[in-house]
Amino acid sequence: MNRMTDRSEGTRTPPDDSRTVHLTDPRAMRALAHPTRLQLLGELRTRGPQTVGMLSEIVDEAVGSVSYHLGKLASFGFVEEVPELARDRRERWWRAAHERTTFKPVEVLDNPERRAALDSFRRSVLRRYVEVLERYLESEATLAPAWVAGATSSDTQVHLTSDELMELQADLKALGDRWEARGVAGRAGTEPVTLMFHAFRRPE
C-alpha cells in the first residue's frame, strides 16, 4: 500500500533519503488528493513498474484517463517513465519515484491555503485506508486460518502529555521501521501485510 506518514514536510526529496518525498507545495497536495492518482501511486509503489494498460485494468479506468493522471503525478515528481522497459514506441512504462510520502501538519497550521490542501489530501488517504480494510474484510473468508489469526485491529485511550505523545510516535515509527527492514519481499512463505497506526489528541 501507498506509504504516507505525518512526520516530515515537503514536496522535495531530502538528500539523505532518496526514497522519501516530502509535501510542502499545496498544488502537489491537491494533485495527490485525487483518489485515482492516490491509487495509481500506491499501486506503482507496491507492484513495481507497470504499463498504462496494466494500470488501467488495476484501477478500472480508461487508458486515456490513466495517462492523464500519470502525467499530473509526473509533473510533481511522484512518478516517472521507464523507457528502457518499453518493447516498442507505443508502450509506456511508469514507476513510482519514491517509496513513501511524508508531511508535517504542524508546519501548515498558520497557512490557510496549505492547511486546506493538506487536509484534502489526508482525507483522501483516510478514505483509501478504509477501502483497503473493507477489501480485507471481504476476502478474509478466503484466507488460510493462520493469516486470519495473525491479523489484528484495536484501539485504546491513554492519558499523555504532548511530550509523551511525541515519544509514542517515535516508538511506533521504530516498530514500523523494524518490521519494514525485516519484511522484505521475496522471502519464502511471505505475503504482503499492511500496517496502519494512528495516535492523536482526542477531540473534546
N, C-alpha and C. Protein backbone atom coordinates (compact mmCIF):
# COMPACT_ATOMS: atom_id res chain seq x y z
N MET A 1 0.83 -1.18 0.00
CA MET A 1 0.00 0.00 0.00
C MET A 1 0.87 1.24 0.00
N ASN A 2 0.21 2.33 -0.48
CA ASN A 2 0.91 3.59 -0.50
C ASN A 2 1.38 3.99 0.89
N ARG A 3 2.71 4.39 1.03
CA ARG A 3 3.25 4.78 2.33
C ARG A 3 3.03 6.27 2.57
N MET A 4 2.30 6.62 3.60
CA MET A 4 2.05 8.00 3.97
C MET A 4 2.31 8.17 5.46
N THR A 5 3.12 9.14 5.84
CA THR A 5 3.33 9.42 7.26
C THR A 5 3.33 10.92 7.48
N ASP A 6 3.02 11.32 8.72
CA ASP A 6 2.95 12.75 9.01
C ASP A 6 4.12 13.23 9.85
N ARG A 7 5.28 12.64 9.64
CA ARG A 7 6.45 13.01 10.44
C ARG A 7 7.25 14.15 9.82
N SER A 8 7.15 14.34 8.52
CA SER A 8 8.02 15.31 7.86
C SER A 8 7.24 16.14 6.87
N GLU A 9 7.89 17.19 6.36
CA GLU A 9 7.25 18.15 5.49
C GLU A 9 7.93 18.16 4.13
N GLY A 10 7.17 18.43 3.03
CA GLY A 10 7.85 18.71 1.80
C GLY A 10 7.21 18.31 0.51
N THR A 11 7.71 18.88 -0.59
CA THR A 11 7.49 18.39 -1.93
C THR A 11 8.85 18.16 -2.54
N ARG A 12 9.79 17.80 -1.74
CA ARG A 12 11.15 17.63 -2.21
C ARG A 12 11.70 16.33 -1.63
N THR A 13 12.78 15.87 -2.21
CA THR A 13 13.45 14.68 -1.70
C THR A 13 14.66 15.12 -0.90
N PRO A 14 14.72 14.83 0.40
CA PRO A 14 15.88 15.23 1.19
C PRO A 14 17.11 14.48 0.71
N PRO A 15 18.29 15.12 0.77
CA PRO A 15 19.50 14.50 0.23
C PRO A 15 19.88 13.20 0.90
N ASP A 16 19.45 12.98 2.17
CA ASP A 16 19.86 11.78 2.88
C ASP A 16 18.85 10.65 2.76
N ASP A 17 17.77 10.85 2.01
CA ASP A 17 16.77 9.79 1.88
C ASP A 17 16.06 9.93 0.54
N SER A 18 16.63 9.33 -0.48
CA SER A 18 16.05 9.43 -1.82
C SER A 18 14.77 8.63 -1.96
N ARG A 19 14.43 7.83 -0.94
CA ARG A 19 13.21 7.03 -1.01
C ARG A 19 11.98 7.83 -0.60
N THR A 20 12.16 9.02 -0.07
CA THR A 20 11.06 9.78 0.51
C THR A 20 10.84 11.10 -0.20
N VAL A 21 9.57 11.45 -0.42
CA VAL A 21 9.23 12.77 -0.94
C VAL A 21 8.40 13.48 0.13
N HIS A 22 8.74 14.73 0.42
CA HIS A 22 8.07 15.50 1.46
C HIS A 22 7.12 16.52 0.85
N LEU A 23 5.93 16.59 1.34
CA LEU A 23 4.93 17.51 0.81
C LEU A 23 5.03 18.89 1.44
N THR A 24 5.22 19.91 0.60
CA THR A 24 5.17 21.30 1.05
C THR A 24 4.31 22.15 0.13
N ASP A 25 4.27 21.81 -1.14
CA ASP A 25 3.57 22.60 -2.16
C ASP A 25 2.07 22.27 -2.12
N PRO A 26 1.20 23.25 -1.88
CA PRO A 26 -0.23 22.97 -1.86
C PRO A 26 -0.76 22.44 -3.19
N ARG A 27 -0.12 22.82 -4.28
CA ARG A 27 -0.55 22.30 -5.59
C ARG A 27 -0.29 20.80 -5.67
N ALA A 28 0.84 20.36 -5.16
CA ALA A 28 1.14 18.92 -5.14
C ALA A 28 0.19 18.18 -4.22
N MET A 29 -0.14 18.79 -3.08
CA MET A 29 -1.09 18.17 -2.16
C MET A 29 -2.44 17.98 -2.83
N ARG A 30 -2.91 19.02 -3.53
CA ARG A 30 -4.21 18.92 -4.19
C ARG A 30 -4.18 17.90 -5.32
N ALA A 31 -3.07 17.85 -6.04
CA ALA A 31 -2.96 16.88 -7.13
C ALA A 31 -3.01 15.45 -6.61
N LEU A 32 -2.33 15.21 -5.51
CA LEU A 32 -2.26 13.86 -4.96
C LEU A 32 -3.53 13.48 -4.20
N ALA A 33 -4.35 14.47 -3.86
CA ALA A 33 -5.60 14.19 -3.16
C ALA A 33 -6.62 13.49 -4.05
N HIS A 34 -6.43 13.56 -5.37
CA HIS A 34 -7.37 12.89 -6.28
C HIS A 34 -7.32 11.39 -6.03
N PRO A 35 -8.45 10.74 -5.79
CA PRO A 35 -8.44 9.31 -5.43
C PRO A 35 -7.79 8.40 -6.46
N THR A 36 -7.98 8.69 -7.75
CA THR A 36 -7.36 7.84 -8.77
C THR A 36 -5.85 7.98 -8.76
N ARG A 37 -5.37 9.21 -8.60
CA ARG A 37 -3.91 9.42 -8.56
C ARG A 37 -3.31 8.79 -7.32
N LEU A 38 -4.00 8.90 -6.22
CA LEU A 38 -3.51 8.28 -4.99
C LEU A 38 -3.42 6.77 -5.16
N GLN A 39 -4.43 6.18 -5.79
CA GLN A 39 -4.41 4.74 -6.02
C GLN A 39 -3.31 4.35 -7.00
N LEU A 40 -3.15 5.11 -8.07
CA LEU A 40 -2.10 4.80 -9.05
C LEU A 40 -0.72 4.82 -8.40
N LEU A 41 -0.46 5.85 -7.60
CA LEU A 41 0.84 5.94 -6.93
C LEU A 41 1.03 4.75 -5.99
N GLY A 42 -0.02 4.40 -5.27
CA GLY A 42 0.08 3.26 -4.36
C GLY A 42 0.34 1.96 -5.09
N GLU A 43 -0.32 1.75 -6.22
CA GLU A 43 -0.12 0.52 -6.98
C GLU A 43 1.30 0.44 -7.53
N LEU A 44 1.83 1.56 -8.00
CA LEU A 44 3.20 1.56 -8.51
C LEU A 44 4.20 1.30 -7.39
N ARG A 45 3.91 1.79 -6.20
CA ARG A 45 4.83 1.55 -5.09
C ARG A 45 4.79 0.10 -4.62
N THR A 46 3.64 -0.53 -4.69
CA THR A 46 3.55 -1.90 -4.19
C THR A 46 3.84 -2.94 -5.26
N ARG A 47 3.48 -2.67 -6.51
CA ARG A 47 3.63 -3.65 -7.58
C ARG A 47 4.90 -3.47 -8.39
N GLY A 48 5.51 -2.28 -8.32
CA GLY A 48 6.66 -2.00 -9.17
C GLY A 48 6.21 -1.42 -10.50
N PRO A 49 7.13 -1.24 -11.45
CA PRO A 49 6.80 -0.62 -12.74
C PRO A 49 5.64 -1.31 -13.44
N GLN A 50 4.78 -0.50 -14.05
CA GLN A 50 3.61 -1.00 -14.77
C GLN A 50 3.42 -0.18 -16.04
N THR A 51 2.79 -0.80 -17.03
CA THR A 51 2.41 -0.05 -18.22
C THR A 51 1.09 0.67 -17.95
N VAL A 52 0.77 1.61 -18.83
CA VAL A 52 -0.51 2.31 -18.71
C VAL A 52 -1.66 1.32 -18.81
N GLY A 53 -1.53 0.35 -19.72
CA GLY A 53 -2.57 -0.66 -19.88
C GLY A 53 -2.76 -1.50 -18.63
N MET A 54 -1.66 -1.90 -18.02
CA MET A 54 -1.75 -2.69 -16.78
C MET A 54 -2.46 -1.89 -15.69
N LEU A 55 -2.06 -0.64 -15.54
CA LEU A 55 -2.67 0.21 -14.51
C LEU A 55 -4.14 0.46 -14.80
N SER A 56 -4.48 0.56 -16.07
CA SER A 56 -5.88 0.76 -16.46
C SER A 56 -6.75 -0.37 -15.95
N GLU A 57 -6.25 -1.59 -16.06
CA GLU A 57 -7.00 -2.75 -15.57
C GLU A 57 -7.05 -2.79 -14.05
N ILE A 58 -5.94 -2.43 -13.42
CA ILE A 58 -5.87 -2.50 -11.95
C ILE A 58 -6.84 -1.52 -11.30
N VAL A 59 -6.88 -0.28 -11.80
CA VAL A 59 -7.72 0.75 -11.17
C VAL A 59 -9.08 0.89 -11.85
N ASP A 60 -9.31 0.09 -12.90
CA ASP A 60 -10.58 0.09 -13.62
C ASP A 60 -10.93 1.47 -14.16
N GLU A 61 -9.96 2.06 -14.85
CA GLU A 61 -10.14 3.36 -15.50
C GLU A 61 -9.69 3.25 -16.95
N ALA A 62 -10.22 4.10 -17.81
CA ALA A 62 -9.84 4.11 -19.22
C ALA A 62 -8.36 4.46 -19.36
N VAL A 63 -7.74 3.93 -20.41
CA VAL A 63 -6.32 4.17 -20.65
C VAL A 63 -6.02 5.66 -20.74
N GLY A 64 -6.87 6.40 -21.44
CA GLY A 64 -6.66 7.83 -21.58
C GLY A 64 -6.70 8.55 -20.24
N SER A 65 -7.63 8.14 -19.38
CA SER A 65 -7.73 8.75 -18.05
C SER A 65 -6.50 8.44 -17.21
N VAL A 66 -6.03 7.19 -17.28
CA VAL A 66 -4.84 6.80 -16.53
C VAL A 66 -3.63 7.60 -17.00
N SER A 67 -3.48 7.75 -18.32
CA SER A 67 -2.36 8.52 -18.87
C SER A 67 -2.39 9.96 -18.37
N TYR A 68 -3.59 10.54 -18.33
CA TYR A 68 -3.74 11.92 -17.86
C TYR A 68 -3.29 12.04 -16.40
N HIS A 69 -3.78 11.13 -15.56
CA HIS A 69 -3.44 11.21 -14.14
C HIS A 69 -1.96 10.93 -13.89
N LEU A 70 -1.38 10.02 -14.66
CA LEU A 70 0.06 9.78 -14.54
C LEU A 70 0.86 11.04 -14.91
N GLY A 71 0.38 11.74 -15.92
CA GLY A 71 1.04 12.98 -16.31
C GLY A 71 1.01 14.01 -15.20
N LYS A 72 -0.13 14.09 -14.53
CA LYS A 72 -0.25 15.02 -13.40
C LYS A 72 0.71 14.63 -12.27
N LEU A 73 0.75 13.34 -11.97
CA LEU A 73 1.67 12.87 -10.93
C LEU A 73 3.12 13.14 -11.31
N ALA A 74 3.44 12.93 -12.58
CA ALA A 74 4.81 13.16 -13.05
C ALA A 74 5.20 14.63 -12.96
N SER A 75 4.24 15.52 -13.17
CA SER A 75 4.54 16.95 -13.14
C SER A 75 5.00 17.42 -11.76
N PHE A 76 4.65 16.66 -10.73
CA PHE A 76 5.09 16.98 -9.37
C PHE A 76 6.16 16.02 -8.87
N GLY A 77 6.66 15.17 -9.75
CA GLY A 77 7.77 14.30 -9.39
C GLY A 77 7.41 13.06 -8.61
N PHE A 78 6.11 12.70 -8.58
CA PHE A 78 5.71 11.50 -7.84
C PHE A 78 5.99 10.21 -8.62
N VAL A 79 5.89 10.27 -9.94
CA VAL A 79 6.15 9.10 -10.78
C VAL A 79 7.05 9.51 -11.93
N GLU A 80 7.62 8.51 -12.60
CA GLU A 80 8.49 8.78 -13.74
C GLU A 80 8.40 7.64 -14.75
N GLU A 81 8.66 7.96 -15.99
CA GLU A 81 8.63 6.94 -17.04
C GLU A 81 9.88 6.06 -16.96
N VAL A 82 9.73 4.83 -17.46
CA VAL A 82 10.84 3.89 -17.52
C VAL A 82 10.97 3.43 -18.97
N PRO A 83 11.52 4.27 -19.85
CA PRO A 83 11.55 3.95 -21.28
C PRO A 83 12.33 2.70 -21.63
N GLU A 84 13.29 2.33 -20.79
CA GLU A 84 14.11 1.15 -21.10
C GLU A 84 13.31 -0.15 -21.03
N LEU A 85 12.14 -0.12 -20.41
CA LEU A 85 11.31 -1.32 -20.34
C LEU A 85 10.37 -1.48 -21.53
N ALA A 86 10.20 -0.41 -22.30
CA ALA A 86 9.26 -0.44 -23.42
C ALA A 86 9.78 -1.33 -24.55
N ARG A 87 8.87 -2.15 -25.09
CA ARG A 87 9.22 -3.03 -26.21
C ARG A 87 9.01 -2.37 -27.56
N ASP A 88 8.25 -1.29 -27.58
CA ASP A 88 8.05 -0.53 -28.81
C ASP A 88 7.72 0.91 -28.43
N ARG A 89 7.53 1.76 -29.44
CA ARG A 89 7.32 3.18 -29.18
C ARG A 89 5.98 3.48 -28.54
N ARG A 90 5.03 2.59 -28.68
CA ARG A 90 3.70 2.83 -28.13
C ARG A 90 3.60 2.44 -26.66
N GLU A 91 4.44 1.51 -26.24
CA GLU A 91 4.35 1.02 -24.86
C GLU A 91 5.03 1.99 -23.90
N ARG A 92 4.32 2.37 -22.84
CA ARG A 92 4.87 3.31 -21.86
C ARG A 92 4.82 2.69 -20.46
N TRP A 93 5.98 2.57 -19.87
CA TRP A 93 6.10 2.03 -18.52
C TRP A 93 6.31 3.18 -17.53
N TRP A 94 5.74 3.01 -16.34
CA TRP A 94 5.87 4.02 -15.29
C TRP A 94 6.29 3.35 -13.98
N ARG A 95 6.95 4.13 -13.15
CA ARG A 95 7.30 3.65 -11.81
C ARG A 95 7.16 4.80 -10.82
N ALA A 96 7.01 4.45 -9.56
CA ALA A 96 6.99 5.46 -8.50
C ALA A 96 8.40 6.02 -8.33
N ALA A 97 8.49 7.32 -8.13
CA ALA A 97 9.80 7.96 -7.96
C ALA A 97 10.33 7.81 -6.54
N HIS A 98 9.45 7.48 -5.60
CA HIS A 98 9.84 7.34 -4.20
C HIS A 98 9.03 6.23 -3.56
N GLU A 99 9.47 5.77 -2.41
CA GLU A 99 8.76 4.70 -1.70
C GLU A 99 7.72 5.22 -0.73
N ARG A 100 7.85 6.47 -0.31
CA ARG A 100 6.90 6.98 0.67
C ARG A 100 6.73 8.49 0.54
N THR A 101 5.61 8.96 1.05
CA THR A 101 5.30 10.39 1.09
C THR A 101 5.16 10.80 2.54
N THR A 102 5.80 11.89 2.93
CA THR A 102 5.69 12.35 4.31
C THR A 102 5.21 13.79 4.35
N PHE A 103 4.67 14.18 5.48
CA PHE A 103 4.15 15.54 5.65
C PHE A 103 4.14 15.86 7.14
N LYS A 104 4.03 17.14 7.46
CA LYS A 104 4.07 17.57 8.86
C LYS A 104 2.96 18.59 9.10
N PRO A 105 1.80 18.16 9.59
CA PRO A 105 0.67 19.07 9.75
C PRO A 105 0.98 20.31 10.58
N VAL A 106 1.84 20.20 11.58
CA VAL A 106 2.12 21.35 12.44
C VAL A 106 2.72 22.50 11.64
N GLU A 107 3.38 22.22 10.53
CA GLU A 107 4.03 23.26 9.74
C GLU A 107 3.06 24.06 8.87
N VAL A 108 1.80 23.60 8.75
CA VAL A 108 0.85 24.32 7.90
C VAL A 108 -0.24 25.00 8.73
N LEU A 109 -0.15 24.96 10.04
CA LEU A 109 -1.21 25.50 10.89
C LEU A 109 -1.46 26.98 10.66
N ASP A 110 -0.41 27.74 10.33
CA ASP A 110 -0.57 29.18 10.16
C ASP A 110 -0.69 29.59 8.70
N ASN A 111 -0.92 28.63 7.81
CA ASN A 111 -1.05 28.92 6.38
C ASN A 111 -2.36 28.30 5.88
N PRO A 112 -3.43 29.09 5.75
CA PRO A 112 -4.74 28.54 5.39
C PRO A 112 -4.75 27.75 4.09
N GLU A 113 -4.03 28.23 3.08
CA GLU A 113 -4.03 27.52 1.79
C GLU A 113 -3.39 26.15 1.92
N ARG A 114 -2.23 26.11 2.53
CA ARG A 114 -1.54 24.82 2.70
C ARG A 114 -2.30 23.91 3.64
N ARG A 115 -2.91 24.48 4.68
CA ARG A 115 -3.66 23.66 5.63
C ARG A 115 -4.86 23.01 4.93
N ALA A 116 -5.58 23.78 4.10
CA ALA A 116 -6.73 23.24 3.38
C ALA A 116 -6.30 22.16 2.39
N ALA A 117 -5.19 22.40 1.70
CA ALA A 117 -4.71 21.43 0.72
C ALA A 117 -4.27 20.14 1.41
N LEU A 118 -3.56 20.26 2.52
CA LEU A 118 -3.12 19.06 3.24
C LEU A 118 -4.30 18.32 3.84
N ASP A 119 -5.29 19.06 4.32
CA ASP A 119 -6.48 18.42 4.87
C ASP A 119 -7.19 17.60 3.80
N SER A 120 -7.32 18.15 2.60
CA SER A 120 -7.94 17.42 1.49
C SER A 120 -7.17 16.15 1.17
N PHE A 121 -5.86 16.26 1.12
CA PHE A 121 -5.02 15.10 0.84
C PHE A 121 -5.16 14.04 1.93
N ARG A 122 -5.12 14.45 3.18
CA ARG A 122 -5.19 13.48 4.29
C ARG A 122 -6.55 12.78 4.32
N ARG A 123 -7.61 13.49 3.99
CA ARG A 123 -8.93 12.86 3.94
C ARG A 123 -8.99 11.81 2.83
N SER A 124 -8.34 12.09 1.71
CA SER A 124 -8.28 11.10 0.63
C SER A 124 -7.51 9.87 1.08
N VAL A 125 -6.43 10.08 1.81
CA VAL A 125 -5.65 8.95 2.32
C VAL A 125 -6.49 8.11 3.28
N LEU A 126 -7.24 8.76 4.16
CA LEU A 126 -8.08 8.03 5.10
C LEU A 126 -9.14 7.21 4.38
N ARG A 127 -9.73 7.79 3.33
CA ARG A 127 -10.72 7.02 2.55
C ARG A 127 -10.07 5.81 1.90
N ARG A 128 -8.83 5.98 1.47
CA ARG A 128 -8.11 4.86 0.87
C ARG A 128 -7.85 3.78 1.91
N TYR A 129 -7.50 4.18 3.12
CA TYR A 129 -7.31 3.21 4.20
C TYR A 129 -8.58 2.39 4.41
N VAL A 130 -9.72 3.07 4.44
CA VAL A 130 -11.00 2.38 4.64
C VAL A 130 -11.26 1.39 3.51
N GLU A 131 -10.97 1.79 2.28
CA GLU A 131 -11.17 0.89 1.14
C GLU A 131 -10.32 -0.37 1.28
N VAL A 132 -9.08 -0.20 1.70
CA VAL A 132 -8.19 -1.36 1.86
C VAL A 132 -8.70 -2.28 2.96
N LEU A 133 -9.14 -1.71 4.08
CA LEU A 133 -9.67 -2.52 5.17
C LEU A 133 -10.93 -3.26 4.74
N GLU A 134 -11.79 -2.59 3.99
CA GLU A 134 -13.01 -3.24 3.52
C GLU A 134 -12.70 -4.38 2.56
N ARG A 135 -11.69 -4.19 1.72
CA ARG A 135 -11.29 -5.27 0.81
C ARG A 135 -10.78 -6.46 1.60
N TYR A 136 -10.05 -6.18 2.68
CA TYR A 136 -9.57 -7.28 3.51
C TYR A 136 -10.75 -8.05 4.11
N LEU A 137 -11.72 -7.33 4.67
CA LEU A 137 -12.87 -7.99 5.28
C LEU A 137 -13.62 -8.85 4.27
N GLU A 138 -13.73 -8.35 3.04
CA GLU A 138 -14.42 -9.10 2.00
C GLU A 138 -13.68 -10.37 1.62
N SER A 139 -12.36 -10.36 1.75
CA SER A 139 -11.55 -11.51 1.32
C SER A 139 -11.15 -12.42 2.48
N GLU A 140 -11.45 -12.03 3.71
CA GLU A 140 -10.95 -12.76 4.87
C GLU A 140 -11.33 -14.24 4.85
N ALA A 141 -12.55 -14.54 4.43
CA ALA A 141 -13.02 -15.93 4.44
C ALA A 141 -12.26 -16.82 3.46
N THR A 142 -11.55 -16.21 2.51
CA THR A 142 -10.80 -16.99 1.52
C THR A 142 -9.37 -17.26 1.96
N LEU A 143 -8.94 -16.67 3.08
CA LEU A 143 -7.56 -16.81 3.53
C LEU A 143 -7.38 -18.04 4.42
N ALA A 144 -6.15 -18.51 4.48
CA ALA A 144 -5.83 -19.61 5.40
C ALA A 144 -6.04 -19.14 6.84
N PRO A 145 -6.52 -20.01 7.72
CA PRO A 145 -6.79 -19.62 9.11
C PRO A 145 -5.61 -18.95 9.80
N ALA A 146 -4.39 -19.35 9.48
CA ALA A 146 -3.21 -18.76 10.13
C ALA A 146 -3.10 -17.27 9.84
N TRP A 147 -3.46 -16.86 8.61
CA TRP A 147 -3.40 -15.45 8.26
C TRP A 147 -4.49 -14.67 8.96
N VAL A 148 -5.66 -15.26 9.11
CA VAL A 148 -6.76 -14.60 9.81
C VAL A 148 -6.42 -14.45 11.29
N ALA A 149 -5.82 -15.49 11.89
CA ALA A 149 -5.44 -15.44 13.30
C ALA A 149 -4.38 -14.38 13.56
N GLY A 150 -3.51 -14.14 12.59
CA GLY A 150 -2.42 -13.18 12.78
C GLY A 150 -2.84 -11.73 12.63
N ALA A 151 -3.96 -11.49 11.93
CA ALA A 151 -4.42 -10.12 11.73
C ALA A 151 -4.94 -9.53 13.04
N THR A 152 -4.83 -8.22 13.18
CA THR A 152 -5.29 -7.58 14.42
C THR A 152 -5.80 -6.18 14.14
N SER A 153 -6.72 -5.74 14.96
CA SER A 153 -7.24 -4.37 14.89
C SER A 153 -7.69 -3.99 16.28
N SER A 154 -7.27 -2.83 16.76
CA SER A 154 -7.57 -2.47 18.14
C SER A 154 -7.50 -0.96 18.31
N ASP A 155 -8.13 -0.47 19.36
CA ASP A 155 -7.96 0.93 19.74
C ASP A 155 -8.05 1.04 21.25
N THR A 156 -7.46 2.07 21.78
CA THR A 156 -7.48 2.29 23.22
C THR A 156 -7.31 3.77 23.49
N GLN A 157 -7.61 4.20 24.70
CA GLN A 157 -7.41 5.59 25.09
C GLN A 157 -6.46 5.65 26.26
N VAL A 158 -5.45 6.50 26.15
CA VAL A 158 -4.49 6.72 27.24
C VAL A 158 -4.40 8.22 27.50
N HIS A 159 -3.94 8.58 28.66
CA HIS A 159 -3.78 9.99 29.02
C HIS A 159 -2.29 10.33 29.02
N LEU A 160 -1.89 11.21 28.09
CA LEU A 160 -0.48 11.52 27.89
C LEU A 160 -0.25 13.02 27.86
N THR A 161 0.97 13.43 28.10
CA THR A 161 1.39 14.80 27.82
C THR A 161 1.77 14.88 26.34
N SER A 162 1.94 16.10 25.84
CA SER A 162 2.34 16.24 24.44
C SER A 162 3.72 15.64 24.21
N ASP A 163 4.60 15.74 25.19
CA ASP A 163 5.93 15.13 25.06
C ASP A 163 5.82 13.60 25.00
N GLU A 164 4.93 13.04 25.80
CA GLU A 164 4.74 11.59 25.78
C GLU A 164 4.13 11.13 24.46
N LEU A 165 3.26 11.96 23.89
CA LEU A 165 2.70 11.62 22.58
C LEU A 165 3.80 11.58 21.52
N MET A 166 4.74 12.52 21.60
CA MET A 166 5.88 12.50 20.69
C MET A 166 6.72 11.25 20.89
N GLU A 167 6.88 10.84 22.14
CA GLU A 167 7.63 9.61 22.44
C GLU A 167 6.91 8.40 21.87
N LEU A 168 5.59 8.38 22.00
CA LEU A 168 4.81 7.28 21.43
C LEU A 168 4.97 7.25 19.91
N GLN A 169 4.93 8.43 19.28
CA GLN A 169 5.13 8.50 17.83
C GLN A 169 6.47 7.87 17.44
N ALA A 170 7.52 8.21 18.19
CA ALA A 170 8.85 7.65 17.89
C ALA A 170 8.86 6.14 18.08
N ASP A 171 8.18 5.65 19.12
CA ASP A 171 8.12 4.20 19.35
C ASP A 171 7.42 3.49 18.19
N LEU A 172 6.30 4.06 17.74
CA LEU A 172 5.56 3.45 16.64
C LEU A 172 6.38 3.46 15.35
N LYS A 173 7.10 4.57 15.12
CA LYS A 173 7.96 4.64 13.94
C LYS A 173 9.04 3.57 14.00
N ALA A 174 9.66 3.42 15.16
CA ALA A 174 10.72 2.42 15.32
C ALA A 174 10.18 1.02 15.09
N LEU A 175 8.98 0.76 15.59
CA LEU A 175 8.36 -0.55 15.40
C LEU A 175 8.10 -0.81 13.92
N GLY A 176 7.53 0.20 13.23
CA GLY A 176 7.28 0.05 11.80
C GLY A 176 8.56 -0.13 11.01
N ASP A 177 9.59 0.65 11.35
CA ASP A 177 10.87 0.55 10.65
C ASP A 177 11.50 -0.83 10.84
N ARG A 178 11.38 -1.37 12.05
CA ARG A 178 11.98 -2.69 12.33
C ARG A 178 11.32 -3.78 11.49
N TRP A 179 10.02 -3.75 11.41
CA TRP A 179 9.34 -4.77 10.63
C TRP A 179 9.46 -4.53 9.13
N GLU A 180 9.59 -3.26 8.73
CA GLU A 180 9.83 -2.98 7.32
C GLU A 180 11.19 -3.53 6.89
N ALA A 181 12.19 -3.38 7.74
CA ALA A 181 13.53 -3.89 7.42
C ALA A 181 13.53 -5.41 7.35
N ARG A 182 12.76 -6.03 8.22
CA ARG A 182 12.70 -7.49 8.23
C ARG A 182 11.81 -8.04 7.12
N GLY A 183 10.74 -7.32 6.82
CA GLY A 183 9.73 -7.84 5.90
C GLY A 183 9.99 -7.53 4.44
N VAL A 184 11.17 -7.82 3.94
CA VAL A 184 11.47 -7.58 2.53
C VAL A 184 10.74 -8.61 1.67
N ALA A 185 10.36 -8.20 0.47
CA ALA A 185 9.64 -9.09 -0.44
C ALA A 185 10.54 -10.21 -0.93
N GLY A 186 9.92 -11.34 -1.26
CA GLY A 186 10.66 -12.43 -1.87
C GLY A 186 11.08 -13.53 -0.94
N ARG A 187 10.93 -13.34 0.38
CA ARG A 187 11.29 -14.41 1.30
C ARG A 187 10.25 -15.52 1.25
N ALA A 188 10.68 -16.74 1.39
CA ALA A 188 9.78 -17.89 1.30
C ALA A 188 8.68 -17.80 2.35
N GLY A 189 7.46 -18.05 1.91
CA GLY A 189 6.32 -18.08 2.82
C GLY A 189 5.72 -16.74 3.18
N THR A 190 6.26 -15.66 2.63
CA THR A 190 5.75 -14.34 2.98
C THR A 190 4.67 -13.88 2.02
N GLU A 191 3.80 -13.00 2.52
CA GLU A 191 2.77 -12.34 1.74
C GLU A 191 2.73 -10.87 2.16
N PRO A 192 2.19 -9.99 1.32
CA PRO A 192 2.10 -8.58 1.71
C PRO A 192 1.21 -8.39 2.94
N VAL A 193 1.67 -7.61 3.89
CA VAL A 193 0.91 -7.28 5.10
C VAL A 193 0.88 -5.76 5.24
N THR A 194 -0.29 -5.21 5.48
CA THR A 194 -0.45 -3.77 5.65
C THR A 194 -0.46 -3.42 7.13
N LEU A 195 0.35 -2.45 7.50
CA LEU A 195 0.40 -1.95 8.88
C LEU A 195 -0.05 -0.50 8.90
N MET A 196 -1.06 -0.19 9.68
CA MET A 196 -1.54 1.18 9.84
C MET A 196 -1.53 1.52 11.33
N PHE A 197 -1.18 2.75 11.67
CA PHE A 197 -1.35 3.17 13.06
C PHE A 197 -1.63 4.66 13.12
N HIS A 198 -2.41 5.05 14.12
CA HIS A 198 -2.79 6.44 14.32
C HIS A 198 -2.70 6.74 15.82
N ALA A 199 -2.22 7.90 16.17
CA ALA A 199 -2.21 8.35 17.56
C ALA A 199 -2.40 9.86 17.53
N PHE A 200 -3.39 10.36 18.25
CA PHE A 200 -3.69 11.79 18.19
C PHE A 200 -4.44 12.22 19.44
N ARG A 201 -4.38 13.51 19.71
CA ARG A 201 -5.13 14.11 20.82
C ARG A 201 -6.61 13.99 20.51
N ARG A 202 -7.34 13.30 21.38
CA ARG A 202 -8.76 13.08 21.13
C ARG A 202 -9.53 14.39 21.22
N PRO A 203 -10.39 14.70 20.23
CA PRO A 203 -11.17 15.94 20.28
C PRO A 203 -12.15 15.93 21.45
N GLU A 204 -12.48 17.12 21.93
CA GLU A 204 -13.46 17.22 23.03
C GLU A 204 -14.84 16.81 22.54
